[in-house]
Amino acid sequence: MNENINRIFSNNLRKWLSIRHKTQADMYKKMGVSSASAADWCTGKKVPRVDKIVELADWLMIELSDLLEDGDRIPSDMDRLIYRLKDDRYFYELVKDVNGFDDTRFKKVVDYVELLKK
């Protein structure tokens, strides 16, 4: 990939890590890559494979375009709320208890909320 794409990707990745209050350490542990690879992604030395970009976008709950395109989308209050609820164990347990949801159904609820935001 060329320098411009690397710069755009690294800028977007750092921005979304900051917005989501995640660190490079969180990222490399979640993605199953080395700390050096995570650092290369954040500095623009390298861009990950497409499957890792998709995994990053899912983990950060953003669109692929938020990582790959030059732009300045700022998350709405609804984005922030949904992201916080996604990782909130109490919310997850409440949904499971009230509705008898399993992990698959819970993911469907999160996906549905994501569709509502579009």
PDB file of N, CA and C in Angstrom:
ATOM      1  N   MET A   1       0.856  -1.188   0.000  1.00  0.00           N
ATOM      2  CA  MET A   1       0.000   0.000   0.000  1.00  0.00           C
ATOM      3  C   MET A   1       0.891   1.236   0.000  1.00  0.00           C
ATOM      4  N   ASN A   2       0.340   2.307  -0.508  1.00  0.00           N
ATOM      5  CA  ASN A   2       1.174   3.500  -0.599  1.00  0.00           C
ATOM      6  C   ASN A   2       1.156   4.311   0.696  1.00  0.00           C
ATOM      7  N   GLU A   3       2.062   5.270   0.734  1.00  0.00           N
ATOM      8  CA  GLU A   3       2.232   6.082   1.954  1.00  0.00           C
ATOM      9  C   GLU A   3       0.969   6.796   2.382  1.00  0.00           C
ATOM     10  N   ASN A   4       0.208   7.309   1.430  1.00  0.00           N
ATOM     11  CA  ASN A   4      -1.008   8.046   1.752  1.00  0.00           C
ATOM     12  C   ASN A   4      -2.036   7.145   2.438  1.00  0.00           C
ATOM     13  N   ILE A   5      -2.216   5.936   1.929  1.00  0.00           N
ATOM     14  CA  ILE A   5      -3.155   4.991   2.539  1.00  0.00           C
ATOM     15  C   ILE A   5      -2.684   4.622   3.941  1.00  0.00           C
ATOM     16  N   ASN A   6      -1.390   4.386   4.102  1.00  0.00           N
ATOM     17  CA  ASN A   6      -0.840   4.069   5.429  1.00  0.00           C
ATOM     18  C   ASN A   6      -1.108   5.201   6.414  1.00  0.00           C
ATOM     19  N   ARG A   7      -0.910   6.437   5.960  1.00  0.00           N
ATOM     20  CA  ARG A   7      -1.125   7.605   6.824  1.00  0.00           C
ATOM     21  C   ARG A   7      -2.589   7.715   7.215  1.00  0.00           C
ATOM     22  N   ILE A   8      -3.474   7.582   6.247  1.00  0.00           N
ATOM     23  CA  ILE A   8      -4.917   7.678   6.520  1.00  0.00           C
ATOM     24  C   ILE A   8      -5.329   6.592   7.505  1.00  0.00           C
ATOM     25  N   PHE A   9      -4.911   5.356   7.238  1.00  0.00           N
ATOM     26  CA  PHE A   9      -5.276   4.254   8.119  1.00  0.00           C
ATOM     27  C   PHE A   9      -4.758   4.485   9.532  1.00  0.00           C
ATOM     28  N   SER A  10      -3.488   4.850   9.671  1.00  0.00           N
ATOM     29  CA  SER A  10      -2.923   5.021  11.014  1.00  0.00           C
ATOM     30  C   SER A  10      -3.582   6.175  11.764  1.00  0.00           C
ATOM     31  N   ASN A  11      -3.861   7.275  11.067  1.00  0.00           N
ATOM     32  CA  ASN A  11      -4.556   8.397  11.714  1.00  0.00           C
ATOM     33  C   ASN A  11      -5.933   7.973  12.211  1.00  0.00           C
ATOM     34  N   ASN A  12      -6.672   7.264  11.343  1.00  0.00           N
ATOM     35  CA  ASN A  12      -8.010   6.816  11.724  1.00  0.00           C
ATOM     36  C   ASN A  12      -7.960   5.803  12.857  1.00  0.00           C
ATOM     37  N   LEU A  13      -7.018   4.879  12.798  1.00  0.00           N
ATOM     38  CA  LEU A  13      -6.898   3.871  13.855  1.00  0.00           C
ATOM     39  C   LEU A  13      -6.602   4.529  15.200  1.00  0.00           C
ATOM     40  N   ARG A  14      -5.649   5.440  15.226  1.00  0.00           N
ATOM     41  CA  ARG A  14      -5.313   6.122  16.487  1.00  0.00           C
ATOM     42  C   ARG A  14      -6.511   6.916  17.008  1.00  0.00           C
ATOM     43  N   LYS A  15      -7.222   7.574  16.098  1.00  0.00           N
ATOM     44  CA  LYS A  15      -8.399   8.363  16.508  1.00  0.00           C
ATOM     45  C   LYS A  15      -9.441   7.456  17.159  1.00  0.00           C
ATOM     46  N   TRP A  16      -9.764   6.322  16.520  1.00  0.00           N
ATOM     47  CA  TRP A  16     -10.811   5.454  17.049  1.00  0.00           C
ATOM     48  C   TRP A  16     -10.368   4.703  18.295  1.00  0.00           C
ATOM     49  N   LEU A  17      -9.098   4.390  18.401  1.00  0.00           N
ATOM     50  CA  LEU A  17      -8.614   3.799  19.653  1.00  0.00           C
ATOM     51  C   LEU A  17      -8.820   4.795  20.796  1.00  0.00           C
ATOM     52  N   SER A  18      -8.511   6.046  20.531  1.00  0.00           N
ATOM     53  CA  SER A  18      -8.684   7.078  21.550  1.00  0.00           C
ATOM     54  C   SER A  18     -10.160   7.269  21.902  1.00  0.00           C
ATOM     55  N   ILE A  19     -11.006   7.349  20.892  1.00  0.00           N
ATOM     56  CA  ILE A  19     -12.441   7.534  21.124  1.00  0.00           C
ATOM     57  C   ILE A  19     -13.006   6.389  21.954  1.00  0.00           C
ATOM     58  N   ARG A  20     -12.565   5.177  21.663  1.00  0.00           N
ATOM     59  CA  ARG A  20     -13.063   3.986  22.353  1.00  0.00           C
ATOM     60  C   ARG A  20     -12.284   3.674  23.635  1.00  0.00           C
ATOM     61  N   HIS A  21     -11.354   4.547  23.991  1.00  0.00           N
ATOM     62  CA  HIS A  21     -10.553   4.380  25.209  1.00  0.00           C
ATOM     63  C   HIS A  21      -9.834   3.028  25.222  1.00  0.00           C
ATOM     64  N   LYS A  22      -9.247   2.701  24.073  1.00  0.00           N
ATOM     65  CA  LYS A  22      -8.477   1.473  23.925  1.00  0.00           C
ATOM     66  C   LYS A  22      -7.019   1.828  23.692  1.00  0.00           C
ATOM     67  N   THR A  23      -6.137   0.909  24.043  1.00  0.00           N
ATOM     68  CA  THR A  23      -4.705   1.121  23.860  1.00  0.00           C
ATOM     69  C   THR A  23      -4.176   0.187  22.778  1.00  0.00           C
ATOM     70  N   GLN A  24      -2.931   0.433  22.379  1.00  0.00           N
ATOM     71  CA  GLN A  24      -2.283  -0.484  21.450  1.00  0.00           C
ATOM     72  C   GLN A  24      -2.202  -1.876  22.072  1.00  0.00           C
ATOM     73  N   ALA A  25      -1.958  -1.939  23.365  1.00  0.00           N
ATOM     74  CA  ALA A  25      -1.885  -3.239  24.054  1.00  0.00           C
ATOM     75  C   ALA A  25      -3.228  -3.963  23.977  1.00  0.00           C
ATOM     76  N   ASP A  26      -4.317  -3.238  24.202  1.00  0.00           N
ATOM     77  CA  ASP A  26      -5.642  -3.849  24.056  1.00  0.00           C
ATOM     78  C   ASP A  26      -5.808  -4.411  22.647  1.00  0.00           C
ATOM     79  N   MET A  27      -5.349  -3.627  21.679  1.00  0.00           N
ATOM     80  CA  MET A  27      -5.525  -3.999  20.282  1.00  0.00           C
ATOM     81  C   MET A  27      -4.709  -5.245  19.926  1.00  0.00           C
ATOM     82  N   TYR A  28      -3.430  -5.269  20.275  1.00  0.00           N
ATOM     83  CA  TYR A  28      -2.645  -6.430  19.847  1.00  0.00           C
ATOM     84  C   TYR A  28      -3.060  -7.694  20.578  1.00  0.00           C
ATOM     85  N   LYS A  29      -3.532  -7.561  21.803  1.00  0.00           N
ATOM     86  CA  LYS A  29      -4.039  -8.750  22.510  1.00  0.00           C
ATOM     87  C   LYS A  29      -5.317  -9.256  21.848  1.00  0.00           C
ATOM     88  N   LYS A  30      -6.223  -8.341  21.525  1.00  0.00           N
ATOM     89  CA  LYS A  30      -7.499  -8.719  20.908  1.00  0.00           C
ATOM     90  C   LYS A  30      -7.295  -9.282  19.508  1.00  0.00           C
ATOM     91  N   MET A  31      -6.374  -8.703  18.749  1.00  0.00           N
ATOM     92  CA  MET A  31      -6.170  -9.107  17.358  1.00  0.00           C
ATOM     93  C   MET A  31      -5.242 -10.315  17.225  1.00  0.00           C
ATOM     94  N   GLY A  32      -4.559 -10.677  18.313  1.00  0.00           N
ATOM     95  CA  GLY A  32      -3.650 -11.815  18.256  1.00  0.00           C
ATOM     96  C   GLY A  32      -2.420 -11.551  17.409  1.00  0.00           C
ATOM     97  N   VAL A  33      -1.910 -10.325  17.497  1.00  0.00           N
ATOM     98  CA  VAL A  33      -0.696  -9.952  16.758  1.00  0.00           C
ATOM     99  C   VAL A  33       0.357  -9.475  17.744  1.00  0.00           C
ATOM    100  N   SER A  34       1.554  -9.270  17.254  1.00  0.00           N
ATOM    101  CA  SER A  34       2.632  -8.800  18.117  1.00  0.00           C
ATOM    102  C   SER A  34       2.467  -7.314  18.420  1.00  0.00           C
ATOM    103  N   SER A  35       3.129  -6.887  19.489  1.00  0.00           N
ATOM    104  CA  SER A  35       3.102  -5.459  19.821  1.00  0.00           C
ATOM    105  C   SER A  35       3.778  -4.649  18.721  1.00  0.00           C
ATOM    106  N   ALA A  36       4.774  -5.235  18.067  1.00  0.00           N
ATOM    107  CA  ALA A  36       5.462  -4.541  16.971  1.00  0.00           C
ATOM    108  C   ALA A  36       4.515  -4.309  15.796  1.00  0.00           C
ATOM    109  N   SER A  37       3.685  -5.301  15.486  1.00  0.00           N
ATOM    110  CA  SER A  37       2.709  -5.130  14.398  1.00  0.00           C
ATOM    111  C   SER A  37       1.720  -4.026  14.732  1.00  0.00           C
ATOM    112  N   ALA A  38       1.214  -4.025  15.962  1.00  0.00           N
ATOM    113  CA  ALA A  38       0.270  -2.982  16.382  1.00  0.00           C
ATOM    114  C   ALA A  38       0.916  -1.605  16.280  1.00  0.00           C
ATOM    115  N   ALA A  39       2.166  -1.509  16.704  1.00  0.00           N
ATOM    116  CA  ALA A  39       2.883  -0.231  16.627  1.00  0.00           C
ATOM    117  C   ALA A  39       3.056   0.192  15.170  1.00  0.00           C
ATOM    118  N   ASP A  40       3.374  -0.763  14.289  1.00  0.00           N
ATOM    119  CA  ASP A  40       3.517  -0.441  12.865  1.00  0.00           C
ATOM    120  C   ASP A  40       2.214   0.066  12.271  1.00  0.00           C
ATOM    121  N   TRP A  41       1.086  -0.505  12.690  1.00  0.00           N
ATOM    122  CA  TRP A  41      -0.209  -0.037  12.195  1.00  0.00           C
ATOM    123  C   TRP A  41      -0.487   1.384  12.662  1.00  0.00           C
ATOM    124  N   CYS A  42      -0.137   1.661  13.917  1.00  0.00           N
ATOM    125  CA  CYS A  42      -0.425   2.986  14.488  1.00  0.00           C
ATOM    126  C   CYS A  42       0.511   4.073  13.975  1.00  0.00           C
ATOM    127  N   THR A  43       1.706   3.694  13.554  1.00  0.00           N
ATOM    128  CA  THR A  43       2.654   4.692  13.044  1.00  0.00           C
ATOM    129  C   THR A  43       2.580   4.845  11.538  1.00  0.00           C
ATOM    130  N   GLY A  44       1.845   3.964  10.871  1.00  0.00           N
ATOM    131  CA  GLY A  44       1.716   4.055   9.425  1.00  0.00           C
ATOM    132  C   GLY A  44       2.806   3.328   8.658  1.00  0.00           C
ATOM    133  N   LYS A  45       3.639   2.577   9.367  1.00  0.00           N
ATOM    134  CA  LYS A  45       4.667   1.795   8.666  1.00  0.00           C
ATOM    135  C   LYS A  45       4.033   0.700   7.829  1.00  0.00           C
ATOM    136  N   LYS A  46       2.971   0.098   8.361  1.00  0.00           N
ATOM    137  CA  LYS A  46       2.282  -0.990   7.678  1.00  0.00           C
ATOM    138  C   LYS A  46       0.783  -0.861   7.891  1.00  0.00           C
ATOM    139  N   VAL A  47       0.044  -1.513   7.009  1.00  0.00           N
ATOM    140  CA  VAL A  47      -1.399  -1.630   7.145  1.00  0.00           C
ATOM    141  C   VAL A  47      -1.694  -3.118   7.263  1.00  0.00           C
ATOM    142  N   PRO A  48      -2.591  -3.506   8.161  1.00  0.00           N
ATOM    143  CA  PRO A  48      -2.866  -4.938   8.329  1.00  0.00           C
ATOM    144  C   PRO A  48      -3.563  -5.553   7.112  1.00  0.00           C
ATOM    145  N   ARG A  49      -3.586  -6.875   7.097  1.00  0.00           N
ATOM    146  CA  ARG A  49      -4.339  -7.602   6.073  1.00  0.00           C
ATOM    147  C   ARG A  49      -5.815  -7.236   6.192  1.00  0.00           C
ATOM    148  N   VAL A  50      -6.542  -7.467   5.128  1.00  0.00           N
ATOM    149  CA  VAL A  50      -7.961  -7.103   5.082  1.00  0.00           C
ATOM    150  C   VAL A  50      -8.744  -7.785   6.203  1.00  0.00           C
ATOM    151  N   ASP A  51      -8.457  -9.055   6.489  1.00  0.00           N
ATOM    152  CA  ASP A  51      -9.210  -9.742   7.543  1.00  0.00           C
ATOM    153  C   ASP A  51      -8.994  -9.080   8.900  1.00  0.00           C
ATOM    154  N   LYS A  52      -7.790  -8.562   9.147  1.00  0.00           N
ATOM    155  CA  LYS A  52      -7.522  -7.860  10.410  1.00  0.00           C
ATOM    156  C   LYS A  52      -8.208  -6.495  10.432  1.00  0.00           C
ATOM    157  N   ILE A  53      -8.294  -5.837   9.280  1.00  0.00           N
ATOM    158  CA  ILE A  53      -8.999  -4.552   9.223  1.00  0.00           C
ATOM    159  C   ILE A  53     -10.480  -4.764   9.541  1.00  0.00           C
ATOM    160  N   VAL A  54     -11.060  -5.814   8.988  1.00  0.00           N
ATOM    161  CA  VAL A  54     -12.466  -6.137   9.275  1.00  0.00           C
ATOM    162  C   VAL A  54     -12.636  -6.433  10.763  1.00  0.00           C
ATOM    163  N   GLU A  55     -11.719  -7.201  11.328  1.00  0.00           N
ATOM    164  CA  GLU A  55     -11.777  -7.538  12.751  1.00  0.00           C
ATOM    165  C   GLU A  55     -11.640  -6.286  13.623  1.00  0.00           C
ATOM    166  N   LEU A  56     -10.733  -5.383  13.235  1.00  0.00           N
ATOM    167  CA  LEU A  56     -10.571  -4.117  13.964  1.00  0.00           C
ATOM    168  C   LEU A  56     -11.857  -3.299  13.934  1.00  0.00           C
ATOM    169  N   ALA A  57     -12.459  -3.191  12.752  1.00  0.00           N
ATOM    170  CA  ALA A  57     -13.691  -2.410  12.625  1.00  0.00           C
ATOM    171  C   ALA A  57     -14.798  -3.009  13.494  1.00  0.00           C
ATOM    172  N   ASP A  58     -14.910  -4.332  13.493  1.00  0.00           N
ATOM    173  CA  ASP A  58     -15.923  -4.984  14.337  1.00  0.00           C
ATOM    174  C   ASP A  58     -15.646  -4.714  15.814  1.00  0.00           C
ATOM    175  N   TRP A  59     -14.406  -4.857  16.215  1.00  0.00           N
ATOM    176  CA  TRP A  59     -14.020  -4.652  17.611  1.00  0.00           C
ATOM    177  C   TRP A  59     -14.285  -3.217  18.056  1.00  0.00           C
ATOM    178  N   LEU A  60     -13.986  -2.266  17.177  1.00  0.00           N
ATOM    179  CA  LEU A  60     -14.195  -0.854  17.511  1.00  0.00           C
ATOM    180  C   LEU A  60     -15.621  -0.396  17.228  1.00  0.00           C
ATOM    181  N   MET A  61     -16.444  -1.301  16.649  1.00  0.00           N
ATOM    182  CA  MET A  61     -17.829  -1.005  16.281  1.00  0.00           C
ATOM    183  C   MET A  61     -17.926   0.220  15.369  1.00  0.00           C
ATOM    184  N   ILE A  62     -17.159   0.149  14.283  1.00  0.00           N
ATOM    185  CA  ILE A  62     -17.167   1.221  13.290  1.00  0.00           C
ATOM    186  C   ILE A  62     -17.264   0.591  11.909  1.00  0.00           C
ATOM    187  N   GLU A  63     -17.486   1.416  10.922  1.00  0.00           N
ATOM    188  CA  GLU A  63     -17.521   0.969   9.535  1.00  0.00           C
ATOM    189  C   GLU A  63     -16.094   0.836   9.015  1.00  0.00           C
ATOM    190  N   LEU A  64     -15.903  -0.007   8.019  1.00  0.00           N
ATOM    191  CA  LEU A  64     -14.582  -0.124   7.388  1.00  0.00           C
ATOM    192  C   LEU A  64     -14.113   1.228   6.874  1.00  0.00           C
ATOM    193  N   SER A  65     -15.045   1.993   6.339  1.00  0.00           N
ATOM    194  CA  SER A  65     -14.689   3.313   5.805  1.00  0.00           C
ATOM    195  C   SER A  65     -14.130   4.239   6.883  1.00  0.00           C
ATOM    196  N   ASP A  66     -14.499   4.019   8.133  1.00  0.00           N
ATOM    197  CA  ASP A  66     -13.959   4.839   9.222  1.00  0.00           C
ATOM    198  C   ASP A  66     -12.460   4.599   9.396  1.00  0.00           C
ATOM    199  N   LEU A  67     -11.979   3.458   8.970  1.00  0.00           N
ATOM    200  CA  LEU A  67     -10.546   3.163   9.041  1.00  0.00           C
ATOM    201  C   LEU A  67      -9.822   3.470   7.734  1.00  0.00           C
ATOM    202  N   LEU A  68     -10.514   3.318   6.613  1.00  0.00           N
ATOM    203  CA  LEU A  68      -9.829   3.348   5.318  1.00  0.00           C
ATOM    204  C   LEU A  68      -9.958   4.651   4.549  1.00  0.00           C
ATOM    205  N   GLU A  69     -10.935   5.470   4.900  1.00  0.00           N
ATOM    206  CA  GLU A  69     -11.162   6.691   4.136  1.00  0.00           C
ATOM    207  C   GLU A  69     -10.745   7.917   4.922  1.00  0.00           C
ATOM    208  N   ASP A  70     -10.284   8.900   4.161  1.00  0.00           N
ATOM    209  CA  ASP A  70      -9.898  10.170   4.762  1.00  0.00           C
ATOM    210  C   ASP A  70     -11.172  10.926   5.083  1.00  0.00           C
ATOM    211  N   GLY A  71     -11.451  11.109   6.345  1.00  0.00           N
ATOM    212  CA  GLY A  71     -12.681  11.779   6.745  1.00  0.00           C
ATOM    213  C   GLY A  71     -12.630  12.068   8.233  1.00  0.00           C
ATOM    214  N   ASP A  72     -13.657  12.695   8.691  1.00  0.00           N
ATOM    215  CA  ASP A  72     -13.644  13.119  10.085  1.00  0.00           C
ATOM    216  C   ASP A  72     -14.943  12.786  10.792  1.00  0.00           C
ATOM    217  N   ARG A  73     -15.437  11.559  10.629  1.00  0.00           N
ATOM    218  CA  ARG A  73     -16.676  11.198  11.312  1.00  0.00           C
ATOM    219  C   ARG A  73     -16.418  11.131  12.808  1.00  0.00           C
ATOM    220  N   ILE A  74     -17.232  11.814  13.525  1.00  0.00           N
ATOM    221  CA  ILE A  74     -17.164  11.823  14.981  1.00  0.00           C
ATOM    222  C   ILE A  74     -18.360  11.024  15.486  1.00  0.00           C
ATOM    223  N   PRO A  75     -18.151  10.154  16.465  1.00  0.00           N
ATOM    224  CA  PRO A  75     -19.272   9.348  16.942  1.00  0.00           C
ATOM    225  C   PRO A  75     -20.339  10.211  17.620  1.00  0.00           C
ATOM    226  N   SER A  76     -21.583   9.846  17.374  1.00  0.00           N
ATOM    227  CA  SER A  76     -22.693  10.539  18.015  1.00  0.00           C
ATOM    228  C   SER A  76     -22.810  10.050  19.457  1.00  0.00           C
ATOM    229  N   ASP A  77     -23.654  10.714  20.217  1.00  0.00           N
ATOM    230  CA  ASP A  77     -23.911  10.254  21.587  1.00  0.00           C
ATOM    231  C   ASP A  77     -24.475   8.840  21.579  1.00  0.00           C
ATOM    232  N   MET A  78     -25.297   8.508  20.562  1.00  0.00           N
ATOM    233  CA  MET A  78     -25.859   7.169  20.457  1.00  0.00           C
ATOM    234  C   MET A  78     -24.747   6.153  20.191  1.00  0.00           C
ATOM    235  N   ASP A  79     -23.797   6.496  19.306  1.00  0.00           N
ATOM    236  CA  ASP A  79     -22.648   5.616  19.063  1.00  0.00           C
ATOM    237  C   ASP A  79     -21.929   5.307  20.371  1.00  0.00           C
ATOM    238  N   ARG A  80     -21.680   6.356  21.130  1.00  0.00           N
ATOM    239  CA  ARG A  80     -20.937   6.185  22.384  1.00  0.00           C
ATOM    240  C   ARG A  80     -21.710   5.306  23.373  1.00  0.00           C
ATOM    241  N   LEU A  81     -23.008   5.525  23.471  1.00  0.00           N
ATOM    242  CA  LEU A  81     -23.833   4.743  24.381  1.00  0.00           C
ATOM    243  C   LEU A  81     -23.859   3.267  23.979  1.00  0.00           C
ATOM    244  N   ILE A  82     -24.095   3.003  22.718  1.00  0.00           N
ATOM    245  CA  ILE A  82     -24.153   1.621  22.249  1.00  0.00           C
ATOM    246  C   ILE A  82     -22.811   0.934  22.476  1.00  0.00           C
ATOM    247  N   TYR A  83     -21.728   1.637  22.202  1.00  0.00           N
ATOM    248  CA  TYR A  83     -20.413   1.026  22.399  1.00  0.00           C
ATOM    249  C   TYR A  83     -20.191   0.676  23.869  1.00  0.00           C
ATOM    250  N   ARG A  84     -20.572   1.582  24.761  1.00  0.00           N
ATOM    251  CA  ARG A  84     -20.404   1.292  26.196  1.00  0.00           C
ATOM    252  C   ARG A  84     -21.266   0.116  26.623  1.00  0.00           C
ATOM    253  N   LEU A  85     -22.516   0.060  26.144  1.00  0.00           N
ATOM    254  CA  LEU A  85     -23.401  -1.033  26.513  1.00  0.00           C
ATOM    255  C   LEU A  85     -22.923  -2.373  25.971  1.00  0.00           C
ATOM    256  N   LYS A  86     -22.290  -2.362  24.817  1.00  0.00           N
ATOM    257  CA  LYS A  86     -21.801  -3.596  24.200  1.00  0.00           C
ATOM    258  C   LYS A  86     -20.881  -4.354  25.155  1.00  0.00           C
ATOM    259  N   ASP A  87     -20.031  -3.656  25.861  1.00  0.00           N
ATOM    260  CA  ASP A  87     -19.058  -4.293  26.747  1.00  0.00           C
ATOM    261  C   ASP A  87     -19.494  -4.328  28.201  1.00  0.00           C
ATOM    262  N   ASP A  88     -20.684  -3.850  28.488  1.00  0.00           N
ATOM    263  CA  ASP A  88     -21.155  -3.776  29.862  1.00  0.00           C
ATOM    264  C   ASP A  88     -21.730  -5.127  30.282  1.00  0.00           C
ATOM    265  N   ARG A  89     -21.045  -5.811  31.166  1.00  0.00           N
ATOM    266  CA  ARG A  89     -21.474  -7.145  31.601  1.00  0.00           C
ATOM    267  C   ARG A  89     -22.837  -7.113  32.296  1.00  0.00           C
ATOM    268  N   TYR A  90     -23.095  -6.053  33.057  1.00  0.00           N
ATOM    269  CA  TYR A  90     -24.386  -5.964  33.750  1.00  0.00           C
ATOM    270  C   TYR A  90     -25.530  -5.855  32.747  1.00  0.00           C
ATOM    271  N   PHE A  91     -25.340  -5.038  31.722  1.00  0.00           N
ATOM    272  CA  PHE A  91     -26.345  -4.905  30.680  1.00  0.00           C
ATOM    273  C   PHE A  91     -26.547  -6.249  29.969  1.00  0.00           C
ATOM    274  N   TYR A  92     -25.454  -6.894  29.630  1.00  0.00           N
ATOM    275  CA  TYR A  92     -25.505  -8.194  28.966  1.00  0.00           C
ATOM    276  C   TYR A  92     -26.274  -9.198  29.824  1.00  0.00           C
ATOM    277  N   GLU A  93     -25.939  -9.283  31.097  1.00  0.00           N
ATOM    278  CA  GLU A  93     -26.619 -10.232  31.990  1.00  0.00           C
ATOM    279  C   GLU A  93     -28.104  -9.890  32.137  1.00  0.00           C
ATOM    280  N   LEU A  94     -28.410  -8.604  32.201  1.00  0.00           N
ATOM    281  CA  LEU A  94     -29.807  -8.181  32.295  1.00  0.00           C
ATOM    282  C   LEU A  94     -30.591  -8.637  31.064  1.00  0.00           C
ATOM    283  N   VAL A  95     -30.026  -8.403  29.896  1.00  0.00           N
ATOM    284  CA  VAL A  95     -30.702  -8.812  28.660  1.00  0.00           C
ATOM    285  C   VAL A  95     -30.880 -10.325  28.645  1.00  0.00           C
ATOM    286  N   LYS A  96     -29.858 -11.053  29.048  1.00  0.00           N
ATOM    287  CA  LYS A  96     -29.955 -12.517  29.087  1.00  0.00           C
ATOM    288  C   LYS A  96     -31.039 -12.962  30.064  1.00  0.00           C
ATOM    289  N   ASP A  97     -31.049 -12.392  31.269  1.00  0.00           N
ATOM    290  CA  ASP A  97     -32.016 -12.794  32.286  1.00  0.00           C
ATOM    291  C   ASP A  97     -33.449 -12.467  31.878  1.00  0.00           C
ATOM    292  N   VAL A  98     -33.637 -11.251  31.384  1.00  0.00           N
ATOM    293  CA  VAL A  98     -34.982 -10.805  31.054  1.00  0.00           C
ATOM    294  C   VAL A  98     -35.524 -11.536  29.831  1.00  0.00           C
ATOM    295  N   ASN A  99     -34.700 -11.766  28.861  1.00  0.00           N
ATOM    296  CA  ASN A  99     -35.182 -12.315  27.602  1.00  0.00           C
ATOM    297  C   ASN A  99     -34.715 -13.737  27.325  1.00  0.00           C
ATOM    298  N   GLY A 100     -33.951 -14.331  28.222  1.00  0.00           N
ATOM    299  CA  GLY A 100     -33.439 -15.668  27.968  1.00  0.00           C
ATOM    300  C   GLY A 100     -32.500 -15.706  26.777  1.00  0.00           C
ATOM    301  N   PHE A 101     -31.805 -14.596  26.525  1.00  0.00           N
ATOM    302  CA  PHE A 101     -30.915 -14.515  25.364  1.00  0.00           C
ATOM    303  C   PHE A 101     -29.654 -15.326  25.583  1.00  0.00           C
ATOM    304  N   ASP A 102     -29.205 -15.946  24.515  1.00  0.00           N
ATOM    305  CA  ASP A 102     -27.889 -16.553  24.521  1.00  0.00           C
ATOM    306  C   ASP A 102     -26.940 -15.595  23.788  1.00  0.00           C
ATOM    307  N   ASP A 103     -25.685 -15.975  23.638  1.00  0.00           N
ATOM    308  CA  ASP A 103     -24.702 -15.089  23.003  1.00  0.00           C
ATOM    309  C   ASP A 103     -25.093 -14.718  21.576  1.00  0.00           C
ATOM    310  N   THR A 104     -25.626 -15.663  20.832  1.00  0.00           N
ATOM    311  CA  THR A 104     -26.009 -15.404  19.441  1.00  0.00           C
ATOM    312  C   THR A 104     -27.129 -14.385  19.379  1.00  0.00           C
ATOM    313  N   ARG A 105     -28.134 -14.546  20.223  1.00  0.00           N
ATOM    314  CA  ARG A 105     -29.247 -13.592  20.224  1.00  0.00           C
ATOM    315  C   ARG A 105     -28.792 -12.214  20.679  1.00  0.00           C
ATOM    316  N   PHE A 106     -27.890 -12.175  21.653  1.00  0.00           N
ATOM    317  CA  PHE A 106     -27.398 -10.881  22.112  1.00  0.00           C
ATOM    318  C   PHE A 106     -26.670 -10.166  20.979  1.00  0.00           C
ATOM    319  N   LYS A 107     -25.861 -10.885  20.217  1.00  0.00           N
ATOM    320  CA  LYS A 107     -25.159 -10.281  19.086  1.00  0.00           C
ATOM    321  C   LYS A 107     -26.171  -9.752  18.073  1.00  0.00           C
ATOM    322  N   LYS A 108     -27.260 -10.469  17.861  1.00  0.00           N
ATOM    323  CA  LYS A 108     -28.290 -10.007  16.939  1.00  0.00           C
ATOM    324  C   LYS A 108     -28.914  -8.703  17.424  1.00  0.00           C
ATOM    325  N   VAL A 109     -29.105  -8.566  18.722  1.00  0.00           N
ATOM    326  CA  VAL A 109     -29.645  -7.316  19.277  1.00  0.00           C
ATOM    327  C   VAL A 109     -28.665  -6.173  19.001  1.00  0.00           C
ATOM    328  N   VAL A 110     -27.387  -6.410  19.265  1.00  0.00           N
ATOM    329  CA  VAL A 110     -26.377  -5.380  19.015  1.00  0.00           C
ATOM    330  C   VAL A 110     -26.347  -5.031  17.529  1.00  0.00           C
ATOM    331  N   ASP A 111     -26.393  -6.038  16.662  1.00  0.00           N
ATOM    332  CA  ASP A 111     -26.392  -5.790  15.219  1.00  0.00           C
ATOM    333  C   ASP A 111     -27.622  -4.987  14.805  1.00  0.00           C
ATOM    334  N   TYR A 112     -28.775  -5.319  15.387  1.00  0.00           N
ATOM    335  CA  TYR A 112     -30.005  -4.602  15.062  1.00  0.00           C
ATOM    336  C   TYR A 112     -29.890  -3.129  15.468  1.00  0.00           C
ATOM    337  N   VAL A 113     -29.360  -2.881  16.629  1.00  0.00           N
ATOM    338  CA  VAL A 113     -29.187  -1.493  17.079  1.00  0.00           C
ATOM    339  C   VAL A 113     -28.259  -0.758  16.116  1.00  0.00           C
ATOM    340  N   GLU A 114     -27.222  -1.452  15.635  1.00  0.00           N
ATOM    341  CA  GLU A 114     -26.321  -0.842  14.670  1.00  0.00           C
ATOM    342  C   GLU A 114     -27.067  -0.469  13.383  1.00  0.00           C
ATOM    343  N   LEU A 115     -27.966  -1.345  12.926  1.00  0.00           N
ATOM    344  CA  LEU A 115     -28.751  -1.038  11.730  1.00  0.00           C
ATOM    345  C   LEU A 115     -29.653   0.172  11.947  1.00  0.00           C
ATOM    346  N   LEU A 116     -30.198   0.292  13.148  1.00  0.00           N
ATOM    347  CA  LEU A 116     -31.068   1.428  13.444  1.00  0.00           C
ATOM    348  C   LEU A 116     -30.327   2.762  13.367  1.00  0.00           C
ATOM    349  N   LYS A 117     -29.035   2.727  13.644  1.00  0.00           N
ATOM    350  CA  LYS A 117     -28.262   3.964  13.627  1.00  0.00           C
ATOM    351  C   LYS A 117     -28.006   4.480  12.225  1.00  0.00           C
ATOM    352  N   LYS A 118     -28.114   3.612  11.212  1.00  0.00           N
ATOM    353  CA  LYS A 118     -27.774   4.024   9.835  1.00  0.00           C
ATOM    354  C   LYS A 118     -28.864   4.832   9.207  1.00  0.00           C
TER     355      LYS A 118
END
